[in-house]
Amino acid sequence: MSAIGKSTAALLAFVVLMFCSFAVQDSIAQAEQRHVAETEQSAAERAASADRWQRAVAAARRSVEPVAVAARAAIESAGDLADAEATAALDDVVTELDRAMEGRDIGAMGAARTAVRAAHAVFLEAVCAGAEARVAANGSADQAAKDEAASAVTEVRAAVADGEDAAGSLERLRSASDRVVASHAANVAAAATAAAAAAAAAAAAEEQGSGASSSTTPRPPSGPLVTGFPPQPPLRVEAAGDYRPGCETEAIWDWWYPDRATGYVLVAPAYPYDYEVMWFEGRWMGVKSLPCLP
């Protein structure tokens, strides 16, 4: 081959080599761009997935929180109408629901919510049973008060059976139960007063008609009324907010119920007030906050 041919062949080989080099570099650049794009897309997908999960967890928390709030409100509203076992059982599962809401396990939240709902229903039935027992223990109450308590019990049980909110019915039941106790106390006191007056009148008539006899055997005093309620701790009332003892009050009130185990009650209405403790046969039943007149 001539020198010119050799030079031409070498030049062609060089050009081909250069084109191949450029093609390889371009392929490498494209591969790097694809890798960067894929990495960015993967990161975006992970971020979107994390955001979706965070929103799902937040939604789960919002859905279960009212269940815990309603259960706690029921415990507060029922006071001592429910037995200690049902109250403790509901409080325990509400605490478990609180723990579940602190985490990110949606399944655990759902299971805890189901447990709270079941314990809430058992608690409300215990409240109804306690109200019925209280009506039976206060037999001297007016029939209207007893009927109202029975109607409220029916409302609470119907709400539980229908899966509806029983908060309003529970408040009515507690108020009706308090009226039964108050009515019984008033009627017992009235009967005792009437009996004492009748006995005094009879004694006076006997003394006037035949004279008093020193040999007459005195009638033994009546024993204390038996209520069937367990002993109570001393009542401790903490008056928070705008407490104005001795102010002139309106004939309306809100109820505040002491803790059955400690006797402590915090009275904290959102208005200027005085308070009054409701007692029956030496036992505290609740505290009324009465709004002060303007």
Protein backbone atom coordinates (compact mmCIF):
# COMPACT_ATOMS: atom_id res chain seq x y z
CA MET A 1 0.00 0.00 0.00
CA SER A 2 1.27 3.44 -0.87
CA ALA A 3 2.08 6.03 1.72
CA ILE A 4 -1.00 8.05 0.79
CA GLY A 5 -3.23 5.03 1.25
CA LYS A 6 -1.69 4.30 4.60
CA SER A 7 -2.23 7.87 5.74
CA THR A 8 -5.83 7.82 4.58
CA ALA A 9 -6.49 4.54 6.38
CA ALA A 10 -4.92 5.89 9.55
CA LEU A 11 -7.02 9.03 9.32
CA LEU A 12 -10.20 7.02 8.85
CA ALA A 13 -9.31 4.81 11.79
CA PHE A 14 -8.72 7.89 13.94
CA VAL A 15 -12.07 9.40 12.94
CA VAL A 16 -13.87 6.13 13.69
CA LEU A 17 -12.13 5.95 17.07
CA MET A 18 -13.12 9.49 17.88
CA PHE A 19 -16.75 8.82 16.98
CA CYS A 20 -16.76 5.70 19.14
CA SER A 21 -15.24 7.64 22.04
CA PHE A 22 -17.90 10.35 21.72
CA ALA A 23 -20.64 7.67 21.58
CA VAL A 24 -19.30 5.97 24.70
CA GLN A 25 -19.09 9.28 26.58
CA ASP A 26 -22.62 10.14 25.50
CA SER A 27 -23.88 6.77 26.67
CA ILE A 28 -22.17 7.26 30.01
CA ALA A 29 -23.67 10.73 30.38
CA GLN A 30 -27.13 9.45 29.52
CA ALA A 31 -26.75 6.61 32.00
CA GLU A 32 -25.72 9.05 34.71
CA GLN A 33 -28.69 11.30 33.91
CA ARG A 34 -31.04 8.32 34.04
CA HIS A 35 -29.57 7.25 37.40
CA VAL A 36 -29.97 10.75 38.83
CA ALA A 37 -33.54 10.95 37.53
CA GLU A 38 -34.39 7.52 38.93
CA THR A 39 -32.82 8.41 42.28
CA GLU A 40 -34.80 11.65 42.45
CA GLN A 41 -38.02 9.86 41.47
CA SER A 42 -37.43 7.16 44.07
CA ALA A 43 -36.81 9.79 46.76
CA ALA A 44 -39.95 11.66 45.72
CA GLU A 45 -41.98 8.44 45.86
CA ARG A 46 -40.61 7.63 49.32
CA ALA A 47 -41.41 11.14 50.53
CA ALA A 48 -44.93 10.93 49.06
CA SER A 49 -45.43 7.51 50.65
CA ALA A 50 -44.22 8.81 54.04
CA ASP A 51 -46.53 11.80 53.72
CA ARG A 52 -49.49 9.56 52.88
CA TRP A 53 -48.73 7.35 55.89
CA GLN A 54 -48.38 10.36 58.17
CA ARG A 55 -51.74 11.67 57.00
CA ALA A 56 -53.29 8.22 57.51
CA VAL A 57 -51.91 8.07 61.07
CA ALA A 58 -53.21 11.57 61.80
CA ALA A 59 -56.63 10.64 60.43
CA ALA A 60 -56.67 7.49 62.57
CA ARG A 61 -55.84 9.54 65.65
CA ARG A 62 -58.62 12.00 64.87
CA SER A 63 -61.09 9.14 64.47
CA VAL A 64 -60.27 7.41 67.76
CA GLU A 65 -59.73 10.45 70.00
CA PRO A 66 -63.49 11.22 70.36
CA VAL A 67 -63.99 7.64 71.61
CA ALA A 68 -61.53 8.26 74.45
CA VAL A 69 -63.02 11.68 75.21
CA ALA A 70 -66.56 10.25 75.36
CA ALA A 71 -65.47 7.43 77.69
CA ARG A 72 -63.74 9.80 80.10
CA ALA A 73 -66.74 12.13 80.06
CA ALA A 74 -69.00 9.17 80.90
CA ILE A 75 -66.85 8.28 83.93
CA GLU A 76 -66.99 11.89 85.14
CA SER A 77 -70.70 12.28 84.47
CA ALA A 78 -71.76 8.99 86.07
CA GLY A 79 -70.10 9.75 89.39
CA ASP A 80 -70.69 6.89 91.81
CA LEU A 81 -73.59 5.30 89.93
CA ALA A 82 -71.26 2.74 88.35
CA ASP A 83 -69.46 0.11 90.41
CA ALA A 84 -65.70 0.39 90.89
CA GLU A 85 -64.91 -2.65 88.72
CA ALA A 86 -66.68 -1.29 85.62
CA THR A 87 -65.15 2.15 86.15
CA ALA A 88 -61.62 0.74 86.50
CA ALA A 89 -62.06 -1.47 83.43
CA LEU A 90 -63.12 1.47 81.27
CA ASP A 91 -60.34 3.68 82.61
CA ASP A 92 -57.75 0.97 81.84
CA VAL A 93 -58.75 0.54 78.19
CA VAL A 94 -58.89 4.32 77.68
CA THR A 95 -55.31 4.49 78.96
CA GLU A 96 -54.34 1.80 76.43
CA LEU A 97 -56.00 3.82 73.67
CA ASP A 98 -53.97 6.86 74.73
CA ARG A 99 -50.79 4.83 74.41
CA ALA A 100 -51.81 3.59 70.97
CA MET A 101 -52.48 7.15 69.80
CA GLU A 102 -48.95 8.14 70.84
CA GLY A 103 -47.55 5.63 68.32
CA ARG A 104 -47.98 5.16 64.58
CA ASP A 105 -49.61 1.73 64.51
CA ILE A 106 -53.03 2.25 62.94
CA GLY A 107 -54.04 -1.34 63.66
CA ALA A 108 -53.26 -0.92 67.35
CA MET A 109 -55.39 2.23 67.44
CA GLY A 110 -58.29 0.41 65.84
CA ALA A 111 -58.06 -2.51 68.29
CA ALA A 112 -57.87 -0.16 71.28
CA ARG A 113 -60.85 1.84 70.00
CA THR A 114 -62.92 -1.37 69.74
CA ALA A 115 -61.94 -2.31 73.30
CA VAL A 116 -62.95 1.12 74.62
CA ARG A 117 -66.32 0.98 72.90
CA ALA A 118 -67.03 -2.45 74.39
CA ALA A 119 -65.97 -1.38 77.89
CA HIS A 120 -67.98 1.85 77.53
CA ALA A 121 -71.12 -0.17 76.83
CA VAL A 122 -70.47 -2.39 79.86
CA PHE A 123 -69.86 0.71 81.97
CA LEU A 124 -73.15 2.33 80.90
CA GLU A 125 -75.04 -0.85 81.78
CA ALA A 126 -73.38 -0.79 85.20
CA VAL A 127 -74.52 2.84 85.55
CA CYS A 128 -78.10 1.84 84.72
CA ALA A 129 -77.96 -0.98 87.27
CA GLY A 130 -76.56 1.42 89.87
CA ALA A 131 -79.34 3.92 89.19
CA GLU A 132 -81.99 1.23 89.55
CA ALA A 133 -80.42 0.11 92.85
CA ARG A 134 -80.43 3.69 94.08
CA VAL A 135 -84.11 4.09 93.26
CA ALA A 136 -84.84 0.88 95.16
CA ALA A 137 -82.77 2.08 98.14
CA ASN A 138 -84.68 5.39 98.24
CA GLY A 139 -88.19 4.02 98.27
CA SER A 140 -89.76 7.08 99.89
CA ALA A 141 -88.97 9.28 96.89
CA ASP A 142 -91.83 10.83 94.94
CA GLN A 143 -93.16 8.63 92.16
CA ALA A 144 -92.48 11.35 89.58
CA ALA A 145 -88.79 11.31 90.49
CA LYS A 146 -88.70 7.51 90.26
CA ASP A 147 -90.46 7.57 86.88
CA GLU A 148 -88.00 10.11 85.51
CA ALA A 149 -85.06 7.98 86.62
CA ALA A 150 -86.61 4.89 85.02
CA SER A 151 -87.17 6.80 81.78
CA ALA A 152 -83.55 7.98 81.76
CA VAL A 153 -82.33 4.40 82.31
CA THR A 154 -84.37 3.31 79.29
CA GLU A 155 -82.86 6.14 77.21
CA VAL A 156 -79.30 5.16 78.11
CA ARG A 157 -79.87 1.51 77.28
CA ALA A 158 -81.56 2.40 73.99
CA ALA A 159 -78.61 4.62 73.02
CA VAL A 160 -76.17 1.78 73.75
CA ALA A 161 -78.24 -0.71 71.76
CA ASP A 162 -78.44 1.65 68.76
CA GLY A 163 -74.77 2.60 68.92
CA GLU A 164 -75.63 6.26 69.54
CA ASP A 165 -74.06 8.87 71.80
CA ALA A 166 -75.46 8.37 75.31
CA ALA A 167 -73.87 11.48 76.87
CA GLY A 168 -77.10 13.49 77.06
CA SER A 169 -79.10 10.56 78.40
CA LEU A 170 -76.39 9.85 80.97
CA GLU A 171 -76.52 13.43 82.23
CA ARG A 172 -80.27 13.19 82.55
CA LEU A 173 -79.95 9.89 84.41
CA ARG A 174 -77.50 11.34 86.91
CA SER A 175 -79.73 14.36 87.54
CA ALA A 176 -82.80 12.13 87.91
CA SER A 177 -80.94 9.88 90.33
CA ASP A 178 -79.94 12.90 92.42
CA ARG A 179 -83.57 14.04 92.51
CA VAL A 180 -84.65 10.60 93.70
CA VAL A 181 -82.18 10.78 96.60
CA ALA A 182 -83.20 14.35 97.45
CA SER A 183 -86.89 13.49 97.28
CA HIS A 184 -86.40 10.46 99.53
CA ALA A 185 -84.44 12.53 102.05
CA ALA A 186 -87.09 15.26 102.08
CA ASN A 187 -89.93 12.76 102.50
CA VAL A 188 -88.13 10.85 105.25
CA ALA A 189 -87.43 14.09 107.08
CA ALA A 190 -91.05 15.19 106.68
CA ALA A 191 -92.29 11.84 107.95
CA ALA A 192 -89.95 12.00 110.93
CA THR A 193 -91.14 15.53 111.73
CA ALA A 194 -94.78 14.47 111.45
CA ALA A 195 -94.17 11.42 113.63
CA ALA A 196 -92.44 13.52 116.27
CA ALA A 197 -95.28 16.03 116.23
CA ALA A 198 -97.88 13.25 116.54
CA ALA A 199 -95.97 11.65 119.39
CA ALA A 200 -95.72 14.98 121.19
CA ALA A 201 -99.44 15.61 120.71
CA ALA A 202 -100.31 12.13 121.97
CA ALA A 203 -98.08 12.58 125.00
CA ALA A 204 -99.65 15.94 125.77
CA ALA A 205 -103.17 14.50 125.44
CA GLU A 206 -102.33 11.57 127.68
CA GLU A 207 -100.81 13.86 130.24
CA GLN A 208 -103.87 16.06 130.25
CA GLY A 209 -106.36 13.18 130.34
CA SER A 210 -104.90 10.75 132.82
CA GLY A 211 -101.73 12.34 134.06
CA ALA A 212 -98.21 11.19 133.60
CA SER A 213 -97.27 7.88 135.23
CA SER A 214 -93.80 7.29 136.57
CA SER A 215 -94.17 3.57 135.92
CA THR A 216 -94.74 4.03 132.19
CA THR A 217 -92.02 2.33 130.14
CA PRO A 218 -90.47 4.83 127.70
CA ARG A 219 -90.43 3.96 124.01
CA PRO A 220 -86.88 3.22 122.79
CA PRO A 221 -85.49 5.68 120.24
CA SER A 222 -85.59 4.75 116.58
CA GLY A 223 -82.36 3.44 115.10
CA PRO A 224 -80.57 5.27 112.30
CA LEU A 225 -81.75 4.77 108.75
CA VAL A 226 -79.80 2.11 106.88
CA THR A 227 -78.92 3.23 103.38
CA GLY A 228 -76.75 0.33 102.24
CA PHE A 229 -74.04 2.71 100.94
CA PRO A 230 -70.35 2.01 101.69
CA PRO A 231 -68.32 4.35 103.95
CA GLN A 232 -67.05 7.57 102.37
CA PRO A 233 -63.81 9.51 102.79
CA PRO A 234 -64.08 13.10 104.09
CA LEU A 235 -65.27 15.58 101.47
CA ARG A 236 -62.59 18.00 100.22
CA VAL A 237 -63.85 20.82 97.99
CA GLU A 238 -61.42 22.98 96.01
CA ALA A 239 -63.11 26.12 94.68
CA ALA A 240 -61.30 27.38 91.58
CA GLY A 241 -62.09 30.28 89.28
CA ASP A 242 -64.23 33.23 90.40
CA TYR A 243 -65.49 31.86 93.73
CA ARG A 244 -67.63 34.41 95.63
CA PRO A 245 -68.89 32.90 98.89
CA GLY A 246 -72.09 34.47 100.13
CA CYS A 247 -73.07 36.09 96.83
CA GLU A 248 -76.74 36.22 95.84
CA THR A 249 -77.26 33.34 93.40
CA GLU A 250 -79.61 32.29 90.65
CA ALA A 251 -81.91 29.27 91.01
CA ILE A 252 -79.85 27.25 88.52
CA TRP A 253 -76.72 25.20 89.06
CA ASP A 254 -74.16 22.77 87.67
CA TRP A 255 -73.23 19.52 89.40
CA TRP A 256 -69.68 18.55 90.42
CA TYR A 257 -69.12 15.04 91.77
CA PRO A 258 -66.36 14.13 94.27
CA ASP A 259 -63.95 11.29 93.63
CA ARG A 260 -65.36 8.29 95.45
CA ALA A 261 -61.97 7.06 96.66
CA THR A 262 -60.51 10.35 97.93
CA GLY A 263 -63.52 12.63 98.49
CA TYR A 264 -61.82 15.36 96.44
CA VAL A 265 -63.79 17.55 94.04
CA LEU A 266 -62.62 20.53 91.99
CA VAL A 267 -65.36 23.10 91.39
CA ALA A 268 -64.38 25.32 88.45
CA PRO A 269 -67.30 26.80 86.50
CA ALA A 270 -66.79 29.50 83.91
CA TYR A 271 -68.77 32.12 85.85
CA PRO A 272 -68.74 33.87 89.25
CA TYR A 273 -70.30 31.48 91.74
CA ASP A 274 -70.96 30.23 95.23
CA TYR A 275 -71.33 26.52 95.90
CA GLU A 276 -73.53 24.27 98.00
CA VAL A 277 -72.84 20.69 99.12
CA MET A 278 -75.69 18.22 98.83
CA TRP A 279 -75.83 15.88 101.86
CA PHE A 280 -78.09 12.95 102.65
CA GLU A 281 -78.03 11.15 106.01
CA GLY A 282 -74.53 12.45 106.67
CA ARG A 283 -73.20 11.40 103.23
CA TRP A 284 -72.07 13.79 100.51
CA MET A 285 -73.77 13.28 97.17
CA GLY A 286 -72.38 16.15 95.06
CA VAL A 287 -71.55 19.85 94.92
CA LYS A 288 -73.67 22.47 93.15
CA SER A 289 -72.08 25.61 91.70
CA LEU A 290 -74.67 28.41 91.68
CA PRO A 291 -74.07 31.45 89.42
CA CYS A 292 -73.92 34.77 91.25
CA LEU A 293 -76.45 37.36 90.19
CA PRO A 294 -74.95 40.28 88.21
